[in-house]
Amino acid sequence: MTGNRGRHVLARVFECLGTSPLLQRRD
């Protein structure tokens, strides 16, 4: 459950920064 929380937090941080390297990689 800790991993899930960390992933969510990271996703939120990236969204706040406006930079989504993970999304770019998927694209």
PDB file of N, CA and C in Angstrom:
ATOM      1  N   MET A   1       0.843  -1.207   0.000  1.00  0.00           N
ATOM      2  CA  MET A   1       0.000   0.000   0.000  1.00  0.00           C
ATOM      3  C   MET A   1       0.876   1.254   0.000  1.00  0.00           C
ATOM      4  N   THR A   2       2.072   1.113   0.549  1.00  0.00           N
ATOM      5  CA  THR A   2       2.960   2.288   0.590  1.00  0.00           C
ATOM      6  C   THR A   2       3.367   2.689  -0.826  1.00  0.00           C
ATOM      7  N   GLY A   3       3.638   1.683  -1.661  1.00  0.00           N
ATOM      8  CA  GLY A   3       4.058   1.980  -3.039  1.00  0.00           C
ATOM      9  C   GLY A   3       2.961   2.736  -3.778  1.00  0.00           C
ATOM     10  N   ASN A   4       1.733   2.303  -3.576  1.00  0.00           N
ATOM     11  CA  ASN A   4       0.616   2.964  -4.259  1.00  0.00           C
ATOM     12  C   ASN A   4       0.562   4.440  -3.874  1.00  0.00           C
ATOM     13  N   ARG A   5       0.759   4.685  -2.601  1.00  0.00           N
ATOM     14  CA  ARG A   5       0.681   6.095  -2.100  1.00  0.00           C
ATOM     15  C   ARG A   5       1.827   6.897  -2.723  1.00  0.00           C
ATOM     16  N   GLY A   6       2.996   6.338  -2.719  1.00  0.00           N
ATOM     17  CA  GLY A   6       4.144   7.059  -3.282  1.00  0.00           C
ATOM     18  C   GLY A   6       3.909   7.392  -4.749  1.00  0.00           C
ATOM     19  N   ARG A   7       3.331   6.445  -5.465  1.00  0.00           N
ATOM     20  CA  ARG A   7       3.088   6.682  -6.909  1.00  0.00           C
ATOM     21  C   ARG A   7       2.109   7.836  -7.081  1.00  0.00           C
ATOM     22  N   HIS A   8       1.076   7.823  -6.280  1.00  0.00           N
ATOM     23  CA  HIS A   8       0.064   8.883  -6.381  1.00  0.00           C
ATOM     24  C   HIS A   8       0.689  10.245  -6.074  1.00  0.00           C
ATOM     25  N   VAL A   9       1.495  10.272  -5.035  1.00  0.00           N
ATOM     26  CA  VAL A   9       2.141  11.528  -4.636  1.00  0.00           C
ATOM     27  C   VAL A   9       3.031  12.040  -5.758  1.00  0.00           C
ATOM     28  N   LEU A  10       3.814  11.156  -6.334  1.00  0.00           N
ATOM     29  CA  LEU A  10       4.718  11.567  -7.419  1.00  0.00           C
ATOM     30  C   LEU A  10       3.925  12.107  -8.597  1.00  0.00           C
ATOM     31  N   ALA A  11       2.867  11.410  -8.942  1.00  0.00           N
ATOM     32  CA  ALA A  11       2.023  11.855 -10.062  1.00  0.00           C
ATOM     33  C   ALA A  11       1.488  13.255  -9.773  1.00  0.00           C
ATOM     34  N   ARG A  12       1.076  13.488  -8.547  1.00  0.00           N
ATOM     35  CA  ARG A  12       0.504  14.804  -8.176  1.00  0.00           C
ATOM     36  C   ARG A  12       1.605  15.864  -8.275  1.00  0.00           C
ATOM     37  N   VAL A  13       2.775  15.535  -7.787  1.00  0.00           N
ATOM     38  CA  VAL A  13       3.887  16.499  -7.823  1.00  0.00           C
ATOM     39  C   VAL A  13       4.220  16.861  -9.269  1.00  0.00           C
ATOM     40  N   PHE A  14       4.294  15.861 -10.118  1.00  0.00           N
ATOM     41  CA  PHE A  14       4.610  16.113 -11.534  1.00  0.00           C
ATOM     42  C   PHE A  14       3.553  17.011 -12.150  1.00  0.00           C
ATOM     43  N   GLU A  15       2.295  16.757 -11.811  1.00  0.00           N
ATOM     44  CA  GLU A  15       1.199  17.569 -12.367  1.00  0.00           C
ATOM     45  C   GLU A  15       1.340  19.011 -11.898  1.00  0.00           C
ATOM     46  N   CYS A  16       1.687  19.166 -10.631  1.00  0.00           N
ATOM     47  CA  CYS A  16       1.851  20.525 -10.072  1.00  0.00           C
ATOM     48  C   CYS A  16       2.996  21.247 -10.794  1.00  0.00           C
ATOM     49  N   LEU A  17       4.074  20.523 -11.041  1.00  0.00           N
ATOM     50  CA  LEU A  17       5.231  21.129 -11.707  1.00  0.00           C
ATOM     51  C   LEU A  17       4.938  21.382 -13.180  1.00  0.00           C
ATOM     52  N   GLY A  18       4.012  20.612 -13.715  1.00  0.00           N
ATOM     53  CA  GLY A  18       3.670  20.797 -15.130  1.00  0.00           C
ATOM     54  C   GLY A  18       4.588  19.960 -16.012  1.00  0.00           C
ATOM     55  N   THR A  19       5.394  19.096 -15.378  1.00  0.00           N
ATOM     56  CA  THR A  19       6.309  18.252 -16.164  1.00  0.00           C
ATOM     57  C   THR A  19       6.011  16.784 -15.883  1.00  0.00           C
ATOM     58  N   SER A  20       5.649  16.056 -16.903  1.00  0.00           N
ATOM     59  CA  SER A  20       5.323  14.637 -16.701  1.00  0.00           C
ATOM     60  C   SER A  20       6.254  13.759 -17.536  1.00  0.00           C
ATOM     61  N   PRO A  21       7.454  13.503 -17.031  1.00  0.00           N
ATOM     62  CA  PRO A  21       8.419  12.656 -17.747  1.00  0.00           C
ATOM     63  C   PRO A  21       7.837  11.260 -17.988  1.00  0.00           C
ATOM     64  N   LEU A  22       7.058  10.790 -17.031  1.00  0.00           N
ATOM     65  CA  LEU A  22       6.466   9.451 -17.177  1.00  0.00           C
ATOM     66  C   LEU A  22       5.499   9.438 -18.355  1.00  0.00           C
ATOM     67  N   LEU A  23       4.707  10.494 -18.462  1.00  0.00           N
ATOM     68  CA  LEU A  23       3.736  10.563 -19.566  1.00  0.00           C
ATOM     69  C   LEU A  23       4.481  10.693 -20.889  1.00  0.00           C
ATOM     70  N   GLN A  24       5.518  11.498 -20.888  1.00  0.00           N
ATOM     71  CA  GLN A  24       6.304  11.692 -22.111  1.00  0.00           C
ATOM     72  C   GLN A  24       6.896  10.360 -22.561  1.00  0.00           C
ATOM     73  N   ARG A  25       7.367   9.602 -21.622  1.00  0.00           N
ATOM     74  CA  ARG A  25       7.990   8.292 -21.951  1.00  0.00           C
ATOM     75  C   ARG A  25       6.912   7.393 -22.569  1.00  0.00           C
ATOM     76  N   ARG A  26       5.721   7.445 -22.014  1.00  0.00           N
ATOM     77  CA  ARG A  26       4.631   6.597 -22.542  1.00  0.00           C
ATOM     78  C   ARG A  26       4.324   7.032 -23.977  1.00  0.00           C
ATOM     79  N   ASP A  27       4.352   8.297 -24.206  1.00  0.00           N
ATOM     80  CA  ASP A  27       4.059   8.802 -25.559  1.00  0.00           C
ATOM     81  C   ASP A  27       5.210   8.394 -26.477  1.00  0.00           C
TER      82      ASP A  27
END
